[in-house]
Amino acid sequence: MEKYFSVSNLDCAHCGAKIEEAISKLEGIESAVLNFPMKKFKIKGNITDELVAKINEVANSIEAGVVIAAIEEAHHHSRRHEHEHEHHHHHDEECGCGHEHEHEHHHHDE
């Protein structure tokens, strides 16, 4: 099974890499991939409540205060659609996604 987890209180990318490596070595884990900028883990394996507790224990031993919590599937998918799409448009156009973008607008007389 593959699940997504939010990561709180992780401020160091180097520590994140160490946590990622430590989690991937736990029994029952097939793979663990950290997206540090998004503060999310994608963990594949036989994920139980006990294993999530162990994941948090390992993470805290590397960087104190880190909390790794499962993201509900519906929540994850809706967030992915909101934030992980690409924007392809000219500076003089709006993409219509509803997000505010900071673009320099150059108006040319044509």
PDB file of N, CA and C in Angstrom:
ATOM      1  N   MET A   1       0.842  -1.182   0.000  1.00  0.00           N
ATOM      2  CA  MET A   1       0.000   0.000   0.000  1.00  0.00           C
ATOM      3  C   MET A   1       0.886   1.243   0.000  1.00  0.00           C
ATOM      4  N   GLU A   2       0.401   2.277  -0.651  1.00  0.00           N
ATOM      5  CA  GLU A   2       1.127   3.541  -0.735  1.00  0.00           C
ATOM      6  C   GLU A   2       0.299   4.621  -0.053  1.00  0.00           C
ATOM      7  N   LYS A   3       0.921   5.351   0.864  1.00  0.00           N
ATOM      8  CA  LYS A   3       0.205   6.417   1.564  1.00  0.00           C
ATOM      9  C   LYS A   3       1.046   7.671   1.576  1.00  0.00           C
ATOM     10  N   TYR A   4       0.338   8.792   1.680  1.00  0.00           N
ATOM     11  CA  TYR A   4       0.997  10.098   1.767  1.00  0.00           C
ATOM     12  C   TYR A   4       0.898  10.606   3.201  1.00  0.00           C
ATOM     13  N   PHE A   5       1.974  11.247   3.636  1.00  0.00           N
ATOM     14  CA  PHE A   5       2.065  11.754   5.000  1.00  0.00           C
ATOM     15  C   PHE A   5       2.531  13.201   4.968  1.00  0.00           C
ATOM     16  N   SER A   6       1.936  14.013   5.836  1.00  0.00           N
ATOM     17  CA  SER A   6       2.416  15.383   6.005  1.00  0.00           C
ATOM     18  C   SER A   6       3.570  15.355   7.000  1.00  0.00           C
ATOM     19  N   VAL A   7       4.476  16.300   6.853  1.00  0.00           N
ATOM     20  CA  VAL A   7       5.640  16.382   7.741  1.00  0.00           C
ATOM     21  C   VAL A   7       5.645  17.775   8.361  1.00  0.00           C
ATOM     22  N   SER A   8       5.578  17.824   9.679  1.00  0.00           N
ATOM     23  CA  SER A   8       5.586  19.110  10.394  1.00  0.00           C
ATOM     24  C   SER A   8       6.888  19.259  11.167  1.00  0.00           C
ATOM     25  N   ASN A   9       7.321  20.503  11.331  1.00  0.00           N
ATOM     26  CA  ASN A   9       8.482  20.867  12.141  1.00  0.00           C
ATOM     27  C   ASN A   9       9.802  20.324  11.593  1.00  0.00           C
ATOM     28  N   LEU A  10       9.862  20.110  10.288  1.00  0.00           N
ATOM     29  CA  LEU A  10      11.107  19.679   9.657  1.00  0.00           C
ATOM     30  C   LEU A  10      11.692  20.882   8.927  1.00  0.00           C
ATOM     31  N   ASP A  11      12.796  21.406   9.456  1.00  0.00           N
ATOM     32  CA  ASP A  11      13.371  22.628   8.907  1.00  0.00           C
ATOM     33  C   ASP A  11      14.680  22.407   8.159  1.00  0.00           C
ATOM     34  N   CYS A  12      15.245  21.212   8.275  1.00  0.00           N
ATOM     35  CA  CYS A  12      16.564  20.951   7.720  1.00  0.00           C
ATOM     36  C   CYS A  12      16.473  19.889   6.630  1.00  0.00           C
ATOM     37  N   ALA A  13      16.864  20.256   5.407  1.00  0.00           N
ATOM     38  CA  ALA A  13      16.805  19.312   4.286  1.00  0.00           C
ATOM     39  C   ALA A  13      17.735  18.122   4.522  1.00  0.00           C
ATOM     40  N   HIS A  14      18.889  18.368   5.124  1.00  0.00           N
ATOM     41  CA  HIS A  14      19.833  17.283   5.404  1.00  0.00           C
ATOM     42  C   HIS A  14      19.220  16.281   6.389  1.00  0.00           C
ATOM     43  N   CYS A  15      18.560  16.799   7.430  1.00  0.00           N
ATOM     44  CA  CYS A  15      17.874  15.918   8.383  1.00  0.00           C
ATOM     45  C   CYS A  15      16.742  15.165   7.682  1.00  0.00           C
ATOM     46  N   GLY A  16      16.053  15.846   6.773  1.00  0.00           N
ATOM     47  CA  GLY A  16      14.988  15.204   6.007  1.00  0.00           C
ATOM     48  C   GLY A  16      15.503  14.007   5.235  1.00  0.00           C
ATOM     49  N   ALA A  17      16.682  14.160   4.624  1.00  0.00           N
ATOM     50  CA  ALA A  17      17.287  13.057   3.871  1.00  0.00           C
ATOM     51  C   ALA A  17      17.651  11.905   4.807  1.00  0.00           C
ATOM     52  N   LYS A  18      18.142  12.242   6.000  1.00  0.00           N
ATOM     53  CA  LYS A  18      18.483  11.198   6.978  1.00  0.00           C
ATOM     54  C   LYS A  18      17.223  10.466   7.453  1.00  0.00           C
ATOM     55  N   ILE A  19      16.143  11.217   7.664  1.00  0.00           N
ATOM     56  CA  ILE A  19      14.872  10.614   8.080  1.00  0.00           C
ATOM     57  C   ILE A  19      14.350   9.709   6.971  1.00  0.00           C
ATOM     58  N   GLU A  20      14.397  10.198   5.731  1.00  0.00           N
ATOM     59  CA  GLU A  20      13.949   9.414   4.574  1.00  0.00           C
ATOM     60  C   GLU A  20      14.698   8.078   4.513  1.00  0.00           C
ATOM     61  N   GLU A  21      16.015   8.126   4.677  1.00  0.00           N
ATOM     62  CA  GLU A  21      16.829   6.909   4.629  1.00  0.00           C
ATOM     63  C   GLU A  21      16.485   5.967   5.780  1.00  0.00           C
ATOM     64  N   ALA A  22      16.330   6.523   6.985  1.00  0.00           N
ATOM     65  CA  ALA A  22      16.027   5.696   8.160  1.00  0.00           C
ATOM     66  C   ALA A  22      14.663   5.017   8.023  1.00  0.00           C
ATOM     67  N   ILE A  23      13.668   5.766   7.531  1.00  0.00           N
ATOM     68  CA  ILE A  23      12.326   5.204   7.368  1.00  0.00           C
ATOM     69  C   ILE A  23      12.339   4.095   6.319  1.00  0.00           C
ATOM     70  N   SER A  24      13.081   4.305   5.223  1.00  0.00           N
ATOM     71  CA  SER A  24      13.107   3.309   4.155  1.00  0.00           C
ATOM     72  C   SER A  24      13.727   1.985   4.613  1.00  0.00           C
ATOM     73  N   LYS A  25      14.485   2.019   5.702  1.00  0.00           N
ATOM     74  CA  LYS A  25      15.116   0.798   6.227  1.00  0.00           C
ATOM     75  C   LYS A  25      14.258   0.063   7.253  1.00  0.00           C
ATOM     76  N   LEU A  26      13.133   0.672   7.660  1.00  0.00           N
ATOM     77  CA  LEU A  26      12.271   0.031   8.652  1.00  0.00           C
ATOM     78  C   LEU A  26      11.611  -1.216   8.076  1.00  0.00           C
ATOM     79  N   GLU A  27      11.396  -2.213   8.938  1.00  0.00           N
ATOM     80  CA  GLU A  27      10.713  -3.430   8.512  1.00  0.00           C
ATOM     81  C   GLU A  27       9.278  -3.094   8.118  1.00  0.00           C
ATOM     82  N   GLY A  28       8.852  -3.573   6.947  1.00  0.00           N
ATOM     83  CA  GLY A  28       7.508  -3.306   6.458  1.00  0.00           C
ATOM     84  C   GLY A  28       7.441  -2.163   5.461  1.00  0.00           C
ATOM     85  N   ILE A  29       8.552  -1.415   5.324  1.00  0.00           N
ATOM     86  CA  ILE A  29       8.595  -0.289   4.389  1.00  0.00           C
ATOM     87  C   ILE A  29       9.299  -0.723   3.103  1.00  0.00           C
ATOM     88  N   GLU A  30       8.625  -0.529   1.973  1.00  0.00           N
ATOM     89  CA  GLU A  30       9.247  -0.809   0.677  1.00  0.00           C
ATOM     90  C   GLU A  30      10.041   0.396   0.191  1.00  0.00           C
ATOM     91  N   SER A  31       9.436   1.579   0.338  1.00  0.00           N
ATOM     92  CA  SER A  31      10.134   2.799  -0.061  1.00  0.00           C
ATOM     93  C   SER A  31       9.551   3.990   0.682  1.00  0.00           C
ATOM     94  N   ALA A  32      10.387   4.996   0.865  1.00  0.00           N
ATOM     95  CA  ALA A  32       9.962   6.250   1.487  1.00  0.00           C
ATOM     96  C   ALA A  32      10.613   7.376   0.709  1.00  0.00           C
ATOM     97  N   VAL A  33       9.785   8.282   0.186  1.00  0.00           N
ATOM     98  CA  VAL A  33      10.292   9.393  -0.619  1.00  0.00           C
ATOM     99  C   VAL A  33       9.783  10.699  -0.021  1.00  0.00           C
ATOM    100  N   LEU A  34      10.706  11.562   0.342  1.00  0.00           N
ATOM    101  CA  LEU A  34      10.356  12.854   0.928  1.00  0.00           C
ATOM    102  C   LEU A  34      10.356  13.938  -0.140  1.00  0.00           C
ATOM    103  N   ASN A  35       9.278  14.706  -0.179  1.00  0.00           N
ATOM    104  CA  ASN A  35       9.225  15.925  -0.986  1.00  0.00           C
ATOM    105  C   ASN A  35       9.431  17.060   0.015  1.00  0.00           C
ATOM    106  N   PHE A  36      10.687  17.493   0.176  1.00  0.00           N
ATOM    107  CA  PHE A  36      11.000  18.463   1.228  1.00  0.00           C
ATOM    108  C   PHE A  36      10.289  19.807   1.042  1.00  0.00           C
ATOM    109  N   PRO A  37      10.264  20.386  -0.172  1.00  0.00           N
ATOM    110  CA  PRO A  37       9.575  21.683  -0.317  1.00  0.00           C
ATOM    111  C   PRO A  37       8.087  21.612   0.033  1.00  0.00           C
ATOM    112  N   MET A  38       7.438  20.493  -0.298  1.00  0.00           N
ATOM    113  CA  MET A  38       6.005  20.335  -0.005  1.00  0.00           C
ATOM    114  C   MET A  38       5.766  19.777   1.395  1.00  0.00           C
ATOM    115  N   LYS A  39       6.840  19.357   2.066  1.00  0.00           N
ATOM    116  CA  LYS A  39       6.751  18.746   3.402  1.00  0.00           C
ATOM    117  C   LYS A  39       5.791  17.546   3.391  1.00  0.00           C
ATOM    118  N   LYS A  40       6.045  16.633   2.443  1.00  0.00           N
ATOM    119  CA  LYS A  40       5.230  15.425   2.326  1.00  0.00           C
ATOM    120  C   LYS A  40       6.112  14.206   2.105  1.00  0.00           C
ATOM    121  N   PHE A  41       5.689  13.093   2.657  1.00  0.00           N
ATOM    122  CA  PHE A  41       6.325  11.801   2.434  1.00  0.00           C
ATOM    123  C   PHE A  41       5.386  10.932   1.630  1.00  0.00           C
ATOM    124  N   LYS A  42       5.932  10.175   0.682  1.00  0.00           N
ATOM    125  CA  LYS A  42       5.186   9.112   0.020  1.00  0.00           C
ATOM    126  C   LYS A  42       5.835   7.818   0.494  1.00  0.00           C
ATOM    127  N   ILE A  43       5.085   7.039   1.255  1.00  0.00           N
ATOM    128  CA  ILE A  43       5.632   5.822   1.852  1.00  0.00           C
ATOM    129  C   ILE A  43       4.866   4.623   1.325  1.00  0.00           C
ATOM    130  N   LYS A  44       5.614   3.635   0.873  1.00  0.00           N
ATOM    131  CA  LYS A  44       5.021   2.427   0.322  1.00  0.00           C
ATOM    132  C   LYS A  44       5.416   1.263   1.233  1.00  0.00           C
ATOM    133  N   GLY A  45       4.414   0.431   1.586  1.00  0.00           N
ATOM    134  CA  GLY A  45       4.700  -0.727   2.429  1.00  0.00           C
ATOM    135  C   GLY A  45       3.456  -1.175   3.173  1.00  0.00           C
ATOM    136  N   ASN A  46       3.678  -2.035   4.152  1.00  0.00           N
ATOM    137  CA  ASN A  46       2.594  -2.542   4.994  1.00  0.00           C
ATOM    138  C   ASN A  46       2.431  -1.577   6.167  1.00  0.00           C
ATOM    139  N   ILE A  47       1.690  -0.500   5.941  1.00  0.00           N
ATOM    140  CA  ILE A  47       1.631   0.608   6.892  1.00  0.00           C
ATOM    141  C   ILE A  47       0.537   0.372   7.931  1.00  0.00           C
ATOM    142  N   THR A  48       0.967   0.208   9.165  1.00  0.00           N
ATOM    143  CA  THR A  48       0.050   0.010  10.288  1.00  0.00           C
ATOM    144  C   THR A  48       0.204   1.182  11.252  1.00  0.00           C
ATOM    145  N   ASP A  49      -0.694   1.273  12.224  1.00  0.00           N
ATOM    146  CA  ASP A  49      -0.579   2.330  13.244  1.00  0.00           C
ATOM    147  C   ASP A  49       0.737   2.191  14.003  1.00  0.00           C
ATOM    148  N   GLU A  50       1.140   0.944  14.270  1.00  0.00           N
ATOM    149  CA  GLU A  50       2.396   0.697  14.994  1.00  0.00           C
ATOM    150  C   GLU A  50       3.586   1.195  14.176  1.00  0.00           C
ATOM    151  N   LEU A  51       3.510   0.963  12.848  1.00  0.00           N
ATOM    152  CA  LEU A  51       4.601   1.401  11.979  1.00  0.00           C
ATOM    153  C   LEU A  51       4.654   2.925  11.899  1.00  0.00           C
ATOM    154  N   VAL A  52       3.504   3.587  11.872  1.00  0.00           N
ATOM    155  CA  VAL A  52       3.474   5.054  11.868  1.00  0.00           C
ATOM    156  C   VAL A  52       4.096   5.592  13.159  1.00  0.00           C
ATOM    157  N   ALA A  53       3.826   4.929  14.275  1.00  0.00           N
ATOM    158  CA  ALA A  53       4.430   5.328  15.554  1.00  0.00           C
ATOM    159  C   ALA A  53       5.951   5.169  15.479  1.00  0.00           C
ATOM    160  N   LYS A  54       6.420   4.081  14.872  1.00  0.00           N
ATOM    161  CA  LYS A  54       7.858   3.826  14.724  1.00  0.00           C
ATOM    162  C   LYS A  54       8.484   4.868  13.796  1.00  0.00           C
ATOM    163  N   ILE A  55       7.779   5.217  12.730  1.00  0.00           N
ATOM    164  CA  ILE A  55       8.252   6.248  11.795  1.00  0.00           C
ATOM    165  C   ILE A  55       8.474   7.565  12.542  1.00  0.00           C
ATOM    166  N   ASN A  56       7.513   7.936  13.388  1.00  0.00           N
ATOM    167  CA  ASN A  56       7.631   9.174  14.160  1.00  0.00           C
ATOM    168  C   ASN A  56       8.768   9.094  15.165  1.00  0.00           C
ATOM    169  N   GLU A  57       8.940   7.920  15.759  1.00  0.00           N
ATOM    170  CA  GLU A  57      10.024   7.725  16.723  1.00  0.00           C
ATOM    171  C   GLU A  57      11.376   7.916  16.036  1.00  0.00           C
ATOM    172  N   VAL A  58      11.530   7.318  14.866  1.00  0.00           N
ATOM    173  CA  VAL A  58      12.775   7.433  14.097  1.00  0.00           C
ATOM    174  C   VAL A  58      13.007   8.888  13.688  1.00  0.00           C
ATOM    175  N   ALA A  59      11.961   9.541  13.183  1.00  0.00           N
ATOM    176  CA  ALA A  59      12.083  10.935  12.749  1.00  0.00           C
ATOM    177  C   ALA A  59      12.505  11.836  13.910  1.00  0.00           C
ATOM    178  N   ASN A  60      11.911  11.621  15.088  1.00  0.00           N
ATOM    179  CA  ASN A  60      12.231  12.432  16.265  1.00  0.00           C
ATOM    180  C   ASN A  60      13.637  12.190  16.779  1.00  0.00           C
ATOM    181  N   SER A  61      14.157  10.987  16.554  1.00  0.00           N
ATOM    182  CA  SER A  61      15.531  10.700  16.992  1.00  0.00           C
ATOM    183  C   SER A  61      16.536  11.465  16.126  1.00  0.00           C
ATOM    184  N   ILE A  62      16.117  11.837  14.918  1.00  0.00           N
ATOM    185  CA  ILE A  62      17.002  12.577  14.006  1.00  0.00           C
ATOM    186  C   ILE A  62      16.798  14.081  14.151  1.00  0.00           C
ATOM    187  N   GLU A  63      15.547  14.521  14.178  1.00  0.00           N
ATOM    188  CA  GLU A  63      15.245  15.946  14.418  1.00  0.00           C
ATOM    189  C   GLU A  63      14.053  16.018  15.365  1.00  0.00           C
ATOM    190  N   ALA A  64      14.323  16.480  16.585  1.00  0.00           N
ATOM    191  CA  ALA A  64      13.293  16.535  17.616  1.00  0.00           C
ATOM    192  C   ALA A  64      12.132  17.422  17.194  1.00  0.00           C
ATOM    193  N   GLY A  65      10.906  16.956  17.483  1.00  0.00           N
ATOM    194  CA  GLY A  65       9.718  17.749  17.214  1.00  0.00           C
ATOM    195  C   GLY A  65       9.042  17.449  15.892  1.00  0.00           C
ATOM    196  N   VAL A  66       9.675  16.633  15.042  1.00  0.00           N
ATOM    197  CA  VAL A  66       9.084  16.308  13.742  1.00  0.00           C
ATOM    198  C   VAL A  66       7.850  15.432  13.951  1.00  0.00           C
ATOM    199  N   VAL A  67       6.772  15.758  13.241  1.00  0.00           N
ATOM    200  CA  VAL A  67       5.537  14.976  13.304  1.00  0.00           C
ATOM    201  C   VAL A  67       5.186  14.540  11.884  1.00  0.00           C
ATOM    202  N   ILE A  68       5.020  13.224  11.706  1.00  0.00           N
ATOM    203  CA  ILE A  68       4.648  12.664  10.414  1.00  0.00           C
ATOM    204  C   ILE A  68       3.265  12.061  10.568  1.00  0.00           C
ATOM    205  N   ALA A  69       2.287  12.590   9.816  1.00  0.00           N
ATOM    206  CA  ALA A  69       0.891  12.180   9.977  1.00  0.00           C
ATOM    207  C   ALA A  69       0.288  11.832   8.620  1.00  0.00           C
ATOM    208  N   ALA A  70      -0.528  10.785   8.599  1.00  0.00           N
ATOM    209  CA  ALA A  70      -1.175  10.352   7.360  1.00  0.00           C
ATOM    210  C   ALA A  70      -2.095  11.443   6.827  1.00  0.00           C
ATOM    211  N   ILE A  71      -2.098  11.601   5.520  1.00  0.00           N
ATOM    212  CA  ILE A  71      -2.998  12.534   4.852  1.00  0.00           C
ATOM    213  C   ILE A  71      -4.162  11.721   4.314  1.00  0.00           C
ATOM    214  N   GLU A  72      -5.374  12.170   4.592  1.00  0.00           N
ATOM    215  CA  GLU A  72      -6.547  11.469   4.073  1.00  0.00           C
ATOM    216  C   GLU A  72      -6.522  11.502   2.556  1.00  0.00           C
ATOM    217  N   GLU A  73      -6.888  10.388   1.940  1.00  0.00           N
ATOM    218  CA  GLU A  73      -6.824  10.261   0.483  1.00  0.00           C
ATOM    219  C   GLU A  73      -7.586  11.379  -0.234  1.00  0.00           C
ATOM    220  N   ALA A  74      -8.824  11.645   0.173  1.00  0.00           N
ATOM    221  CA  ALA A  74      -9.632  12.671  -0.502  1.00  0.00           C
ATOM    222  C   ALA A  74      -8.942  14.023  -0.384  1.00  0.00           C
ATOM    223  N   HIS A  75      -8.402  14.316   0.807  1.00  0.00           N
ATOM    224  CA  HIS A  75      -7.711  15.576   1.045  1.00  0.00           C
ATOM    225  C   HIS A  75      -6.478  15.667   0.160  1.00  0.00           C
ATOM    226  N   HIS A  76      -5.709  14.569   0.063  1.00  0.00           N
ATOM    227  CA  HIS A  76      -4.487  14.566  -0.733  1.00  0.00           C
ATOM    228  C   HIS A  76      -4.801  14.845  -2.200  1.00  0.00           C
ATOM    229  N   HIS A  77      -5.813  14.168  -2.749  1.00  0.00           N
ATOM    230  CA  HIS A  77      -6.115  14.328  -4.167  1.00  0.00           C
ATOM    231  C   HIS A  77      -6.616  15.735  -4.472  1.00  0.00           C
ATOM    232  N   SER A  78      -7.453  16.296  -3.606  1.00  0.00           N
ATOM    233  CA  SER A  78      -7.940  17.645  -3.881  1.00  0.00           C
ATOM    234  C   SER A  78      -6.798  18.648  -3.786  1.00  0.00           C
ATOM    235  N   ARG A  79      -5.883  18.467  -2.841  1.00  0.00           N
ATOM    236  CA  ARG A  79      -4.742  19.370  -2.718  1.00  0.00           C
ATOM    237  C   ARG A  79      -3.832  19.232  -3.937  1.00  0.00           C
ATOM    238  N   ARG A  80      -3.678  18.009  -4.442  1.00  0.00           N
ATOM    239  CA  ARG A  80      -2.813  17.808  -5.592  1.00  0.00           C
ATOM    240  C   ARG A  80      -3.366  18.568  -6.790  1.00  0.00           C
ATOM    241  N   HIS A  81      -4.677  18.522  -6.985  1.00  0.00           N
ATOM    242  CA  HIS A  81      -5.255  19.233  -8.112  1.00  0.00           C
ATOM    243  C   HIS A  81      -5.115  20.742  -7.943  1.00  0.00           C
ATOM    244  N   GLU A  82      -5.149  21.210  -6.710  1.00  0.00           N
ATOM    245  CA  GLU A  82      -5.034  22.647  -6.478  1.00  0.00           C
ATOM    246  C   GLU A  82      -3.611  23.144  -6.698  1.00  0.00           C
ATOM    247  N   HIS A  83      -2.615  22.362  -6.266  1.00  0.00           N
ATOM    248  CA  HIS A  83      -1.270  22.914  -6.159  1.00  0.00           C
ATOM    249  C   HIS A  83      -0.214  22.279  -7.040  1.00  0.00           C
ATOM    250  N   GLU A  84      -0.477  21.154  -7.669  1.00  0.00           N
ATOM    251  CA  GLU A  84       0.587  20.500  -8.406  1.00  0.00           C
ATOM    252  C   GLU A  84       0.354  20.529  -9.908  1.00  0.00           C
ATOM    253  N   HIS A  85      -0.413  21.502 -10.390  1.00  0.00           N
ATOM    254  CA  HIS A  85      -0.565  21.612 -11.825  1.00  0.00           C
ATOM    255  C   HIS A  85       0.381  22.684 -12.347  1.00  0.00           C
ATOM    256  N   GLU A  86       0.714  22.571 -13.618  1.00  0.00           N
ATOM    257  CA  GLU A  86       1.643  23.519 -14.200  1.00  0.00           C
ATOM    258  C   GLU A  86       0.873  24.652 -14.864  1.00  0.00           C
ATOM    259  N   HIS A  87       1.509  25.795 -14.929  1.00  0.00           N
ATOM    260  CA  HIS A  87       0.893  26.951 -15.567  1.00  0.00           C
ATOM    261  C   HIS A  87       1.657  27.274 -16.836  1.00  0.00           C
ATOM    262  N   HIS A  88       0.949  27.285 -17.967  1.00  0.00           N
ATOM    263  CA  HIS A  88       1.557  27.672 -19.228  1.00  0.00           C
ATOM    264  C   HIS A  88       0.709  28.791 -19.820  1.00  0.00           C
ATOM    265  N   HIS A  89       1.170  29.999 -19.690  1.00  0.00           N
ATOM    266  CA  HIS A  89       0.469  31.115 -20.294  1.00  0.00           C
ATOM    267  C   HIS A  89       1.436  32.266 -20.460  1.00  0.00           C
ATOM    268  N   HIS A  90       1.075  33.198 -21.315  1.00  0.00           N
ATOM    269  CA  HIS A  90       1.906  34.368 -21.547  1.00  0.00           C
ATOM    270  C   HIS A  90       1.713  35.352 -20.403  1.00  0.00           C
ATOM    271  N   HIS A  91       2.668  36.215 -20.249  1.00  0.00           N
ATOM    272  CA  HIS A  91       2.592  37.184 -19.151  1.00  0.00           C
ATOM    273  C   HIS A  91       1.376  38.088 -19.243  1.00  0.00           C
ATOM    274  N   ASP A  92       0.844  38.293 -20.445  1.00  0.00           N
ATOM    275  CA  ASP A  92      -0.300  39.184 -20.599  1.00  0.00           C
ATOM    276  C   ASP A  92      -1.631  38.447 -20.470  1.00  0.00           C
ATOM    277  N   GLU A  93      -1.587  37.142 -20.158  1.00  0.00           N
ATOM    278  CA  GLU A  93      -2.809  36.362 -20.033  1.00  0.00           C
ATOM    279  C   GLU A  93      -2.949  35.854 -18.612  1.00  0.00           C
ATOM    280  N   GLU A  94      -4.182  35.568 -18.236  1.00  0.00           N
ATOM    281  CA  GLU A  94      -4.419  34.916 -16.958  1.00  0.00           C
ATOM    282  C   GLU A  94      -4.720  33.462 -17.230  1.00  0.00           C
ATOM    283  N   CYS A  95      -4.276  32.572 -16.324  1.00  0.00           N
ATOM    284  CA  CYS A  95      -4.475  31.146 -16.571  1.00  0.00           C
ATOM    285  C   CYS A  95      -5.854  30.681 -16.135  1.00  0.00           C
ATOM    286  N   GLY A  96      -6.550  31.452 -15.287  1.00  0.00           N
ATOM    287  CA  GLY A  96      -7.894  31.078 -14.873  1.00  0.00           C
ATOM    288  C   GLY A  96      -7.939  30.048 -13.758  1.00  0.00           C
ATOM    289  N   CYS A  97      -6.806  29.790 -13.103  1.00  0.00           N
ATOM    290  CA  CYS A  97      -6.810  28.783 -12.042  1.00  0.00           C
ATOM    291  C   CYS A  97      -7.298  29.350 -10.718  1.00  0.00           C
ATOM    292  N   GLY A  98      -7.422  30.651 -10.623  1.00  0.00           N
ATOM    293  CA  GLY A  98      -7.911  31.262  -9.393  1.00  0.00           C
ATOM    294  C   GLY A  98      -6.789  31.653  -8.433  1.00  0.00           C
ATOM    295  N   HIS A  99      -5.556  31.254  -8.727  1.00  0.00           N
ATOM    296  CA  HIS A  99      -4.433  31.633  -7.876  1.00  0.00           C
ATOM    297  C   HIS A  99      -3.872  32.966  -8.336  1.00  0.00           C
ATOM    298  N   GLU A 100      -3.348  33.712  -7.394  1.00  0.00           N
ATOM    299  CA  GLU A 100      -2.697  34.950  -7.772  1.00  0.00           C
ATOM    300  C   GLU A 100      -1.252  34.644  -8.116  1.00  0.00           C
ATOM    301  N   HIS A 101      -0.776  35.184  -9.186  1.00  0.00           N
ATOM    302  CA  HIS A 101       0.597  34.962  -9.618  1.00  0.00           C
ATOM    303  C   HIS A 101       1.301  36.297  -9.682  1.00  0.00           C
ATOM    304  N   GLU A 102       2.574  36.274  -9.325  1.00  0.00           N
ATOM    305  CA  GLU A 102       3.348  37.507  -9.405  1.00  0.00           C
ATOM    306  C   GLU A 102       4.138  37.477 -10.706  1.00  0.00           C
ATOM    307  N   HIS A 103       3.599  38.090 -11.715  1.00  0.00           N
ATOM    308  CA  HIS A 103       4.271  38.199 -13.001  1.00  0.00           C
ATOM    309  C   HIS A 103       4.509  39.677 -13.273  1.00  0.00           C
ATOM    310  N   GLU A 104       5.594  39.963 -13.956  1.00  0.00           N
ATOM    311  CA  GLU A 104       5.764  41.324 -14.444  1.00  0.00           C
ATOM    312  C   GLU A 104       4.954  41.418 -15.709  1.00  0.00           C
ATOM    313  N   HIS A 105       4.087  42.377 -15.793  1.00  0.00           N
ATOM    314  CA  HIS A 105       3.264  42.551 -16.974  1.00  0.00           C
ATOM    315  C   HIS A 105       3.886  43.606 -17.870  1.00  0.00           C
ATOM    316  N   HIS A 106       4.175  43.210 -19.093  1.00  0.00           N
ATOM    317  CA  HIS A 106       4.714  44.132 -20.074  1.00  0.00           C
ATOM    318  C   HIS A 106       3.653  44.298 -21.154  1.00  0.00           C
ATOM    319  N   HIS A 107       3.154  45.472 -21.307  1.00  0.00           N
ATOM    320  CA  HIS A 107       2.136  45.726 -22.316  1.00  0.00           C
ATOM    321  C   HIS A 107       2.802  46.321 -23.543  1.00  0.00           C
ATOM    322  N   HIS A 108       2.550  45.709 -24.663  1.00  0.00           N
ATOM    323  CA  HIS A 108       3.149  46.155 -25.920  1.00  0.00           C
ATOM    324  C   HIS A 108       2.038  46.654 -26.822  1.00  0.00           C
ATOM    325  N   ASP A 109       2.259  47.758 -27.498  1.00  0.00           N
ATOM    326  CA  ASP A 109       1.312  48.226 -28.507  1.00  0.00           C
ATOM    327  C   ASP A 109       1.532  47.417 -29.767  1.00  0.00           C
ATOM    328  N   GLU A 110       0.488  46.730 -30.209  1.00  0.00           N
ATOM    329  CA  GLU A 110       0.647  45.903 -31.400  1.00  0.00           C
ATOM    330  C   GLU A 110      -0.237  46.424 -32.504  1.00  0.00           C
TER     331      GLU A 110
END
